[in-house]
Amino acid sequence: MANNVTVTKEATKRTFTCSFFREDMTHLVQLSALVSGHNLDEFRKTYGHILHMLTSHVDEWALYTLLQFYDSELRCFTFRDYQLAPTLEEYADILKIKVQRKIPFVCVPEKPRMDRIAGALYLSIKDVTGNWKPNGGTHGFHVKFLIKKADTLTVEKRWKEFNALLAVMIYGLVLFPNIPNFVDLTVVCLFMDQNPVPTLLADTYYTIHSRYGKKGSVGSCLPLLYEWFTSHLPKIGPFVTTKDSQKWPQRIMGLTANDIVWCPIGMGIEEVITCCGTFDNVPLIGTRGVINYNPKLALRQLGFALKDKPLDKEIFESVCFEKGTDPEGLKKVRSAWNSIHTDNQTSLGEKNAVANQAYTNWVEERVKDRLLPFPKVNPLYEQPPEVPTATMPAENCIQANMEGTQLHEKSSDAQLKHYLVDQEKTGLTHEAKMLKEGSSRVQKRARTEKGERDTTVVVEDHQKIIKRAIKEA
């Protein structure tokens, strides 16, 4: 193992400073502690796995380091000999929310229907009209009102209605944060549309692209971006044992394509959305802007091979503008989503998550031209031997290198599975702690309105939750 870090002196591109903003989630975490047992299953079935976005740890140094590698021309993150790019399929897999084959969220209606909002949130028309308030050039609900209403529903044990209010607050404060402590009309429309993944990915790319190289706060759904990034990083060895957060740049620079987790265990992606309409890539409509991303650069992340360098038409900037500035462009993108094109093993080939030398050479040449943000260091891990091309025909050499890479990846599978179980246990222990704190709060709840008897909400024993989840894992 090459554990000694040696920094080489070479030219690097300029880095930039940025900050990350997340709202205080204490109240929502306390409410989420009440979602357990059968109700937890119902919540996940209806709204996906969005609850863990509340308690997900986000290492800001990791995100700061990631953003320095952003390749604004290609809409991806370019590292020393590989690239990473968030995809629709990965976001859908993390949140367990299916991407619906329809036009994504485009814009909010000029006159929202109060009855539709009331029906989606299980509120009365009186509650909606009486608490629909203006804020920051839009309208919506103050979180205080929604929390108070959710508290009442827990006393009445109306869990279906409670789940809806908790979910829409997670949409407003975590997935699509805009105005602090406020769930605006855009969020409510996204919640009712039940197809958040394309908009989440659009907001990720548009936020990073518009803020790249600039000072200031970066928003969007940070827990989702962080979980996506770390899902591809090594889970064992020197990368993990280096605990100093400020060494993230050196840790990332010490990784090669051989060390990346290309297709995380359990992610069975069989079909990929690769283009829409007349676009050779995928245009995305977000809450603030419209931007394309390039799925052909991310095929290896989904388990498919990168056989050659991508075609220029597949990766060029096809669209990028702020919402409201290009009505015709928005109309074109909207129309494109009526014709979604997907690829699978028939067109993409056998799933082996490898990259041919032609693609790797193209990435390395791009790095030479555009530079990396930090100095190179020695690889943190022992690398598989390269097969010299002089000793065998080119096609055999390619095959040998592919097989060597596959063996290198398979060798750590068993250890990786054990690690994931340990990580699941650690995460569940943390969630259980939050559940315990939340249950204490619920059990201290006062008496019913008539004061005739105490009303206590039963919260499933957190140790049982841990054991059940570990068994499932």
Protein backbone atom coordinates (compact mmCIF):
# COMPACT_ATOMS: atom_id res chain seq x y z
CA MET A 1 0.00 0.00 0.00
CA ALA A 2 1.29 3.44 -0.90
CA ASN A 3 0.45 5.16 2.37
CA ASN A 4 3.17 7.80 2.19
CA VAL A 5 1.79 10.97 0.66
CA THR A 6 4.21 12.77 -1.63
CA VAL A 7 3.06 16.04 -3.13
CA THR A 8 4.40 16.89 -6.57
CA LYS A 9 5.19 20.44 -7.63
CA GLU A 10 3.15 21.29 -10.69
CA ALA A 11 0.77 23.91 -11.99
CA THR A 12 -2.74 23.90 -10.57
CA LYS A 13 -5.84 25.86 -11.41
CA ARG A 14 -7.19 28.49 -9.06
CA THR A 15 -9.45 27.36 -6.22
CA PHE A 16 -12.30 29.39 -4.77
CA THR A 17 -13.95 29.74 -1.39
CA CYS A 18 -17.57 28.89 -0.69
CA SER A 19 -19.87 28.28 2.25
CA PHE A 20 -22.79 25.93 2.75
CA PHE A 21 -26.10 26.78 4.36
CA ARG A 22 -28.45 24.33 6.08
CA GLU A 23 -31.45 25.27 8.17
CA ASP A 24 -31.92 24.15 11.75
CA MET A 25 -33.76 20.82 11.53
CA THR A 26 -34.33 20.22 15.24
CA HIS A 27 -38.12 20.42 15.10
CA LEU A 28 -38.35 18.22 12.01
CA VAL A 29 -35.99 15.64 13.50
CA GLN A 30 -38.20 15.48 16.59
CA LEU A 31 -41.27 14.97 14.43
CA SER A 32 -39.52 12.36 12.30
CA ALA A 33 -38.84 10.36 15.48
CA LEU A 34 -42.56 9.60 15.58
CA VAL A 35 -42.48 7.82 12.23
CA SER A 36 -41.79 4.20 13.09
CA GLY A 37 -43.06 0.66 12.64
CA HIS A 38 -45.87 0.25 10.12
CA ASN A 39 -46.18 4.01 9.71
CA LEU A 40 -42.51 4.20 8.65
CA ASP A 41 -43.20 1.65 5.93
CA GLU A 42 -46.20 3.67 4.76
CA PHE A 43 -44.18 6.90 4.77
CA ARG A 44 -41.42 5.37 2.64
CA LYS A 45 -43.93 3.78 0.29
CA THR A 46 -45.60 7.13 -0.33
CA TYR A 47 -42.71 9.62 -0.16
CA GLY A 48 -39.55 7.56 -0.61
CA HIS A 49 -36.55 7.55 1.72
CA ILE A 50 -36.45 11.29 2.35
CA LEU A 51 -36.49 11.04 6.15
CA HIS A 52 -32.78 10.26 6.42
CA MET A 53 -32.00 13.55 4.63
CA LEU A 54 -32.88 15.19 7.96
CA THR A 55 -30.18 13.44 9.96
CA SER A 56 -27.55 12.90 7.25
CA HIS A 57 -24.13 14.13 8.26
CA VAL A 58 -22.60 16.53 5.72
CA ASP A 59 -18.85 17.15 5.76
CA GLU A 60 -18.44 20.64 4.33
CA TRP A 61 -14.74 20.06 3.60
CA ALA A 62 -15.74 17.15 1.38
CA LEU A 63 -18.19 19.29 -0.60
CA TYR A 64 -15.70 22.17 -0.79
CA THR A 65 -13.13 19.78 -2.26
CA LEU A 66 -15.64 18.27 -4.69
CA LEU A 67 -16.70 21.65 -6.09
CA GLN A 68 -13.10 22.54 -6.94
CA PHE A 69 -13.09 19.70 -9.48
CA TYR A 70 -16.22 20.90 -11.30
CA ASP A 71 -15.77 20.94 -15.07
CA SER A 72 -18.10 23.70 -16.21
CA GLU A 73 -17.85 22.80 -19.90
CA LEU A 74 -18.71 19.13 -19.41
CA ARG A 75 -21.13 19.41 -16.46
CA CYS A 76 -19.20 16.89 -14.39
CA PHE A 77 -16.33 16.59 -11.90
CA THR A 78 -13.02 15.80 -13.63
CA PHE A 79 -10.32 14.14 -11.51
CA ARG A 80 -6.85 12.85 -12.37
CA ASP A 81 -7.95 9.94 -14.60
CA TYR A 82 -11.71 9.68 -14.17
CA GLN A 83 -14.91 11.70 -14.02
CA LEU A 84 -18.00 11.66 -11.83
CA ALA A 85 -21.41 13.19 -12.51
CA PRO A 86 -24.67 12.92 -10.54
CA THR A 87 -27.36 11.14 -12.55
CA LEU A 88 -31.12 10.79 -12.47
CA GLU A 89 -30.79 7.08 -11.80
CA GLU A 90 -28.47 7.55 -8.80
CA TYR A 91 -30.59 10.24 -7.17
CA ALA A 92 -33.66 8.07 -7.69
CA ASP A 93 -31.85 5.11 -6.13
CA ILE A 94 -30.72 7.09 -3.06
CA LEU A 95 -34.18 8.48 -2.39
CA LYS A 96 -36.04 5.38 -3.61
CA ILE A 97 -38.28 7.62 -5.72
CA LYS A 98 -38.89 6.55 -9.30
CA VAL A 99 -38.35 9.03 -12.14
CA GLN A 100 -41.71 9.31 -13.85
CA ARG A 101 -41.82 9.33 -17.63
CA LYS A 102 -43.49 12.68 -17.97
CA ILE A 103 -42.63 16.36 -18.28
CA PRO A 104 -40.91 17.45 -15.03
CA PHE A 105 -41.97 20.46 -12.97
CA VAL A 106 -41.90 23.55 -15.20
CA CYS A 107 -43.39 26.54 -13.36
CA VAL A 108 -45.93 27.44 -10.68
CA PRO A 109 -49.48 28.39 -11.66
CA GLU A 110 -50.46 32.05 -11.51
CA LYS A 111 -53.52 31.24 -9.44
CA PRO A 112 -53.02 28.11 -7.33
CA ARG A 113 -56.11 26.13 -6.48
CA MET A 114 -56.63 26.11 -2.73
CA ASP A 115 -58.76 22.97 -2.90
CA ARG A 116 -55.94 21.01 -4.56
CA ILE A 117 -53.45 22.16 -1.94
CA ALA A 118 -55.88 21.30 0.83
CA GLY A 119 -56.42 17.83 -0.62
CA ALA A 120 -52.70 17.08 -1.05
CA LEU A 121 -51.84 18.17 2.52
CA TYR A 122 -55.03 16.84 4.14
CA LEU A 123 -55.90 20.31 5.40
CA SER A 124 -59.24 22.06 5.47
CA ILE A 125 -59.91 24.90 3.05
CA LYS A 126 -60.13 27.17 6.09
CA ASP A 127 -56.64 26.13 7.25
CA VAL A 128 -55.20 26.73 3.80
CA THR A 129 -56.78 30.11 3.07
CA GLY A 130 -56.19 31.34 6.62
CA ASN A 131 -52.48 30.45 6.65
CA TRP A 132 -51.48 31.02 3.03
CA LYS A 133 -49.12 33.98 3.50
CA PRO A 134 -46.94 36.18 1.25
CA ASN A 135 -43.15 36.02 1.70
CA GLY A 136 -40.23 36.97 -0.54
CA GLY A 137 -42.28 37.59 -3.66
CA THR A 138 -44.20 34.33 -3.38
CA HIS A 139 -46.83 32.71 -1.16
CA GLY A 140 -46.85 29.65 1.05
CA PHE A 141 -46.97 28.35 4.61
CA HIS A 142 -44.81 29.35 7.55
CA VAL A 143 -43.21 26.27 9.07
CA LYS A 144 -44.52 27.21 12.53
CA PHE A 145 -48.08 26.68 11.33
CA LEU A 146 -47.25 23.29 9.77
CA ILE A 147 -45.41 22.09 12.88
CA LYS A 148 -48.27 23.15 15.14
CA LYS A 149 -50.73 21.34 12.88
CA ALA A 150 -48.51 18.23 12.84
CA ASP A 151 -48.34 18.25 16.65
CA THR A 152 -52.12 18.20 16.79
CA LEU A 153 -52.27 15.28 14.38
CA THR A 154 -49.92 13.20 16.57
CA VAL A 155 -52.29 13.61 19.51
CA GLU A 156 -55.15 12.45 17.31
CA LYS A 157 -52.98 9.65 15.85
CA ARG A 158 -53.84 10.70 12.31
CA TRP A 159 -50.61 9.42 10.81
CA LYS A 160 -51.53 9.67 7.14
CA GLU A 161 -52.18 13.40 7.48
CA PHE A 162 -49.13 13.80 9.74
CA ASN A 163 -46.90 12.12 7.15
CA ALA A 164 -48.03 14.54 4.45
CA LEU A 165 -47.18 17.63 6.51
CA LEU A 166 -43.80 16.22 7.56
CA ALA A 167 -42.98 15.31 3.97
CA VAL A 168 -43.86 18.73 2.58
CA MET A 169 -41.69 20.37 5.26
CA ILE A 170 -38.76 18.15 4.24
CA TYR A 171 -39.39 19.22 0.65
CA GLY A 172 -39.34 22.88 1.67
CA LEU A 173 -36.42 22.95 4.12
CA VAL A 174 -34.14 20.16 2.82
CA LEU A 175 -34.83 19.15 -0.78
CA PHE A 176 -35.75 22.56 -2.23
CA PRO A 177 -34.67 25.20 0.30
CA ASN A 178 -35.52 28.74 -0.76
CA ILE A 179 -36.86 30.94 2.04
CA PRO A 180 -35.84 30.04 5.63
CA ASN A 181 -38.64 28.49 7.69
CA PHE A 182 -41.09 28.81 4.82
CA VAL A 183 -42.68 26.30 2.44
CA ASP A 184 -43.43 28.25 -0.71
CA LEU A 185 -45.75 27.61 -3.65
CA THR A 186 -42.99 26.07 -5.77
CA VAL A 187 -42.36 23.43 -3.10
CA VAL A 188 -46.06 22.69 -2.72
CA CYS A 189 -46.38 22.20 -6.50
CA LEU A 190 -43.36 19.87 -6.53
CA PHE A 191 -44.83 17.94 -3.64
CA MET A 192 -48.14 17.50 -5.45
CA ASP A 193 -46.41 16.55 -8.71
CA GLN A 194 -44.68 13.57 -7.01
CA ASN A 195 -41.73 13.59 -9.43
CA PRO A 196 -38.99 15.47 -7.57
CA VAL A 197 -35.86 13.72 -8.87
CA PRO A 198 -35.43 15.58 -12.22
CA THR A 199 -35.89 18.91 -10.44
CA LEU A 200 -33.46 17.93 -7.67
CA LEU A 201 -30.79 17.03 -10.22
CA ALA A 202 -31.47 20.24 -12.14
CA ASP A 203 -31.08 22.33 -8.99
CA THR A 204 -27.83 20.50 -8.16
CA TYR A 205 -26.26 21.25 -11.53
CA TYR A 206 -27.63 24.76 -11.88
CA THR A 207 -26.53 25.77 -8.38
CA ILE A 208 -23.03 24.39 -8.84
CA HIS A 209 -22.72 25.80 -12.36
CA SER A 210 -23.95 29.29 -11.49
CA ARG A 211 -21.85 29.49 -8.30
CA TYR A 212 -18.71 27.86 -9.69
CA GLY A 213 -15.65 29.98 -9.06
CA LYS A 214 -17.63 32.57 -7.10
CA LYS A 215 -17.70 33.39 -3.42
CA GLY A 216 -20.89 32.96 -1.47
CA SER A 217 -23.24 30.34 -0.08
CA VAL A 218 -24.10 27.16 -1.95
CA GLY A 219 -27.60 25.80 -1.39
CA SER A 220 -29.56 23.02 -3.09
CA CYS A 221 -30.00 19.66 -1.36
CA LEU A 222 -26.57 19.28 0.24
CA PRO A 223 -27.25 15.94 2.02
CA LEU A 224 -28.22 14.35 -1.30
CA LEU A 225 -25.12 15.65 -3.11
CA TYR A 226 -22.90 14.53 -0.23
CA GLU A 227 -24.43 11.05 -0.10
CA TRP A 228 -24.02 10.68 -3.86
CA PHE A 229 -20.34 11.74 -3.72
CA THR A 230 -19.37 9.55 -0.78
CA SER A 231 -21.13 6.52 -2.29
CA HIS A 232 -18.32 6.39 -4.86
CA LEU A 233 -15.42 6.79 -2.43
CA PRO A 234 -13.39 3.93 -0.87
CA LYS A 235 -14.88 2.39 2.27
CA ILE A 236 -11.72 0.70 3.57
CA GLY A 237 -8.00 1.41 3.73
CA PRO A 238 -5.92 4.61 3.97
CA PHE A 239 -8.61 6.89 2.54
CA VAL A 240 -10.89 6.01 5.45
CA THR A 241 -8.22 5.99 8.18
CA THR A 242 -7.26 9.59 7.37
CA LYS A 243 -9.74 11.38 9.63
CA ASP A 244 -8.56 14.99 9.30
CA SER A 245 -11.32 16.79 7.37
CA GLN A 246 -8.94 19.47 6.14
CA LYS A 247 -6.96 16.80 4.27
CA TRP A 248 -9.83 16.08 1.89
CA PRO A 249 -7.91 17.61 -1.07
CA GLN A 250 -4.94 15.28 -0.53
CA ARG A 251 -7.20 12.30 0.05
CA ILE A 252 -9.10 12.87 -3.20
CA MET A 253 -5.92 13.57 -5.16
CA GLY A 254 -4.56 10.25 -3.87
CA LEU A 255 -7.35 8.30 -5.58
CA THR A 256 -7.28 6.88 -9.09
CA ALA A 257 -10.01 5.34 -11.20
CA ASN A 258 -9.05 1.95 -9.76
CA ASP A 259 -10.03 3.07 -6.24
CA ILE A 260 -13.51 4.47 -7.00
CA VAL A 261 -16.65 2.50 -6.15
CA TRP A 262 -18.16 2.56 -9.61
CA CYS A 263 -21.41 0.76 -9.07
CA PRO A 264 -22.31 0.70 -5.36
CA ILE A 265 -23.60 -2.60 -3.99
CA GLY A 266 -27.36 -2.92 -4.29
CA MET A 267 -27.79 -0.40 -7.10
CA GLY A 268 -29.25 -2.41 -9.96
CA ILE A 269 -29.64 0.12 -12.77
CA GLU A 270 -30.78 -1.62 -15.93
CA GLU A 271 -31.97 1.34 -18.00
CA VAL A 272 -30.48 4.82 -18.41
CA ILE A 273 -32.08 8.01 -19.71
CA THR A 274 -29.40 9.23 -22.14
CA CYS A 275 -31.15 11.93 -24.18
CA CYS A 276 -34.47 13.68 -24.73
CA GLY A 277 -36.11 14.91 -27.92
CA THR A 278 -33.69 16.66 -30.25
CA PHE A 279 -31.08 17.00 -27.49
CA ASP A 280 -28.10 14.61 -27.59
CA ASN A 281 -27.93 14.85 -23.79
CA VAL A 282 -30.54 15.46 -21.09
CA PRO A 283 -31.94 18.97 -20.43
CA LEU A 284 -33.13 19.58 -16.87
CA ILE A 285 -35.66 22.09 -15.54
CA GLY A 286 -34.98 23.31 -12.00
CA THR A 287 -36.63 25.76 -9.65
CA ARG A 288 -34.25 28.55 -10.65
CA GLY A 289 -32.77 27.60 -13.99
CA VAL A 290 -32.54 25.22 -16.93
CA ILE A 291 -29.36 23.26 -17.64
CA ASN A 292 -28.27 20.06 -19.39
CA TYR A 293 -26.21 17.19 -18.04
CA ASN A 294 -24.29 14.50 -19.91
CA PRO A 295 -25.25 10.91 -18.97
CA LYS A 296 -22.70 9.42 -21.41
CA LEU A 297 -19.93 10.56 -19.05
CA ALA A 298 -21.51 8.72 -16.12
CA LEU A 299 -22.21 5.29 -17.58
CA ARG A 300 -19.44 3.66 -15.55
CA GLN A 301 -21.08 4.84 -12.33
CA LEU A 302 -24.18 2.90 -13.34
CA GLY A 303 -22.24 -0.29 -14.05
CA PHE A 304 -21.72 0.05 -17.81
CA ALA A 305 -18.43 0.33 -19.70
CA LEU A 306 -16.92 3.51 -21.11
CA LYS A 307 -15.65 2.12 -24.40
CA ASP A 308 -14.29 5.28 -25.97
CA LYS A 309 -14.08 9.01 -25.51
CA PRO A 310 -17.53 10.61 -25.85
CA LEU A 311 -18.70 12.33 -28.99
CA ASP A 312 -18.64 16.12 -28.88
CA LYS A 313 -22.37 16.37 -29.56
CA GLU A 314 -23.10 14.17 -26.51
CA ILE A 315 -21.28 16.39 -24.02
CA PHE A 316 -21.45 19.97 -25.22
CA GLU A 317 -23.44 22.72 -23.49
CA SER A 318 -26.83 22.35 -25.10
CA VAL A 319 -28.79 24.58 -22.73
CA CYS A 320 -28.21 26.82 -19.72
CA PHE A 321 -30.32 29.82 -18.72
CA GLU A 322 -32.10 31.33 -15.75
CA LYS A 323 -35.81 30.68 -15.39
CA GLY A 324 -37.89 33.38 -17.05
CA THR A 325 -35.15 34.62 -19.41
CA ASP A 326 -35.77 32.31 -22.38
CA PRO A 327 -39.42 31.27 -22.85
CA GLU A 328 -38.72 29.63 -26.22
CA GLY A 329 -35.81 27.66 -24.78
CA LEU A 330 -38.01 26.47 -21.93
CA LYS A 331 -40.70 25.46 -24.40
CA LYS A 332 -38.13 23.43 -26.38
CA VAL A 333 -36.90 21.63 -23.25
CA ARG A 334 -40.43 20.94 -22.12
CA SER A 335 -41.24 19.44 -25.51
CA ALA A 336 -38.08 17.30 -25.40
CA TRP A 337 -39.34 15.48 -22.31
CA ASN A 338 -42.24 14.17 -24.38
CA SER A 339 -39.68 12.00 -26.18
CA ILE A 340 -37.39 10.33 -23.62
CA HIS A 341 -34.70 8.01 -25.00
CA THR A 342 -33.25 5.25 -22.83
CA ASP A 343 -30.40 2.78 -23.29
CA ASN A 344 -29.85 -0.62 -21.68
CA GLN A 345 -27.53 -3.61 -21.96
CA THR A 346 -28.65 -4.21 -25.54
CA SER A 347 -27.21 -0.88 -26.69
CA LEU A 348 -24.65 -0.21 -23.94
CA GLY A 349 -23.17 -3.69 -23.72
CA GLU A 350 -22.42 -6.00 -20.81
CA LYS A 351 -22.27 -4.41 -17.37
CA ASN A 352 -18.65 -4.49 -16.18
CA ALA A 353 -17.98 -0.91 -14.98
CA VAL A 354 -14.65 -0.53 -16.76
CA ALA A 355 -13.16 2.18 -18.94
CA ASN A 356 -11.10 1.56 -22.06
CA GLN A 357 -7.78 3.29 -22.50
CA ALA A 358 -9.15 5.64 -25.16
CA TYR A 359 -11.48 7.24 -22.61
CA THR A 360 -8.80 7.38 -19.88
CA ASN A 361 -6.33 9.01 -22.27
CA TRP A 362 -8.95 11.60 -23.20
CA VAL A 363 -9.53 12.48 -19.52
CA GLU A 364 -5.80 12.72 -18.81
CA GLU A 365 -5.30 15.01 -21.81
CA ARG A 366 -8.13 17.20 -20.59
CA VAL A 367 -6.49 17.41 -17.17
CA LYS A 368 -3.21 18.50 -18.77
CA ASP A 369 -4.97 21.29 -20.65
CA ARG A 370 -7.23 22.56 -17.86
CA LEU A 371 -5.24 21.52 -14.77
CA LEU A 372 -6.41 20.16 -11.43
CA PRO A 373 -7.19 22.33 -8.39
CA PHE A 374 -4.65 20.63 -6.08
CA PRO A 375 -1.15 19.14 -6.51
CA LYS A 376 -0.95 15.45 -7.35
CA VAL A 377 0.09 12.97 -4.66
CA ASN A 378 1.14 9.35 -4.74
CA PRO A 379 -1.83 6.93 -4.98
CA LEU A 380 -3.15 5.95 -1.57
CA TYR A 381 -3.74 2.37 -2.69
CA GLU A 382 -1.65 -0.24 -4.47
CA GLN A 383 -2.54 -0.11 -8.15
CA PRO A 384 -3.08 -3.13 -10.44
CA PRO A 385 -0.16 -3.76 -12.80
CA GLU A 386 -0.43 -2.37 -16.29
CA VAL A 387 -0.09 -4.78 -19.18
CA PRO A 388 2.58 -3.48 -21.64
CA THR A 389 1.15 -3.17 -25.13
CA ALA A 390 4.40 -4.41 -26.72
CA THR A 391 3.90 -7.94 -25.38
CA MET A 392 0.52 -8.67 -26.96
CA PRO A 393 -1.93 -7.41 -29.60
CA ALA A 394 -3.79 -4.21 -28.74
CA GLU A 395 -7.19 -5.91 -28.43
CA ASN A 396 -5.76 -8.51 -26.03
CA CYS A 397 -4.07 -5.78 -24.01
CA ILE A 398 -7.35 -3.92 -23.62
CA GLN A 399 -9.09 -7.10 -22.52
CA ALA A 400 -6.31 -7.88 -20.02
CA ASN A 401 -6.45 -4.41 -18.51
CA MET A 402 -10.23 -4.66 -18.23
CA GLU A 403 -9.99 -8.01 -16.49
CA GLY A 404 -7.29 -6.70 -14.17
CA THR A 405 -9.46 -3.75 -13.20
CA GLN A 406 -12.45 -6.00 -12.60
CA LEU A 407 -10.41 -8.31 -10.35
CA HIS A 408 -9.13 -5.29 -8.43
CA GLU A 409 -12.70 -4.14 -7.82
CA LYS A 410 -14.01 -7.60 -6.90
CA SER A 411 -11.22 -8.20 -4.38
CA SER A 412 -12.69 -5.68 -1.95
CA ASP A 413 -16.37 -6.64 -2.33
CA ALA A 414 -16.51 -8.84 0.77
CA GLN A 415 -14.80 -6.22 2.93
CA LEU A 416 -17.02 -3.55 1.46
CA LYS A 417 -20.18 -5.44 2.34
CA HIS A 418 -19.02 -5.84 5.93
CA TYR A 419 -18.20 -2.15 6.03
CA LEU A 420 -21.63 -1.16 4.73
CA VAL A 421 -23.32 -3.20 7.44
CA ASP A 422 -21.14 -1.50 10.07
CA GLN A 423 -21.96 1.91 8.59
CA GLU A 424 -25.66 1.04 8.57
CA LYS A 425 -25.42 0.08 12.21
CA THR A 426 -23.64 3.33 13.08
CA GLY A 427 -26.22 5.39 11.20
CA LEU A 428 -29.10 3.55 12.80
CA THR A 429 -27.60 4.09 16.24
CA HIS A 430 -27.53 7.81 15.52
CA GLU A 431 -31.11 7.75 14.25
CA ALA A 432 -32.16 5.74 17.28
CA LYS A 433 -30.72 8.41 19.53
CA MET A 434 -32.80 11.01 17.71
CA LEU A 435 -35.84 8.72 17.95
CA LYS A 436 -35.34 8.33 21.69
CA GLU A 437 -35.10 12.09 22.16
CA GLY A 438 -38.20 12.59 20.04
CA SER A 439 -40.15 9.93 21.92
CA SER A 440 -39.33 11.59 25.23
CA ARG A 441 -40.78 14.79 23.87
CA VAL A 442 -43.95 13.04 22.74
CA GLN A 443 -44.43 11.15 26.00
CA LYS A 444 -44.33 14.44 27.89
CA ARG A 445 -47.25 15.70 25.86
CA ALA A 446 -49.98 17.27 27.95
CA ARG A 447 -53.50 16.00 28.38
CA THR A 448 -56.29 16.06 25.84
CA GLU A 449 -58.35 19.20 25.36
CA LYS A 450 -60.92 18.05 27.92
CA GLY A 451 -58.18 17.09 30.35
CA GLU A 452 -59.84 13.80 31.14
CA ARG A 453 -56.82 11.53 30.55
CA ASP A 454 -53.24 11.55 29.28
CA THR A 455 -52.64 10.74 25.67
CA THR A 456 -49.32 9.06 24.94
CA VAL A 457 -48.04 8.15 21.51
CA VAL A 458 -46.28 4.79 21.57
CA VAL A 459 -42.88 4.91 19.89
CA GLU A 460 -41.27 1.65 18.84
CA ASP A 461 -38.24 0.68 20.92
CA HIS A 462 -35.20 2.08 19.15
CA GLN A 463 -33.09 -1.02 19.79
CA LYS A 464 -35.66 -3.09 17.91
CA ILE A 465 -35.45 -0.64 15.02
CA ILE A 466 -31.68 -1.09 14.88
CA LYS A 467 -31.85 -4.88 14.99
CA ARG A 468 -34.55 -5.06 12.32
CA ALA A 469 -32.74 -2.69 9.96
CA ILE A 470 -29.41 -4.50 10.38
CA LYS A 471 -31.13 -7.79 9.65
CA GLU A 472 -32.64 -6.28 6.50
CA ALA A 473 -29.25 -4.90 5.46
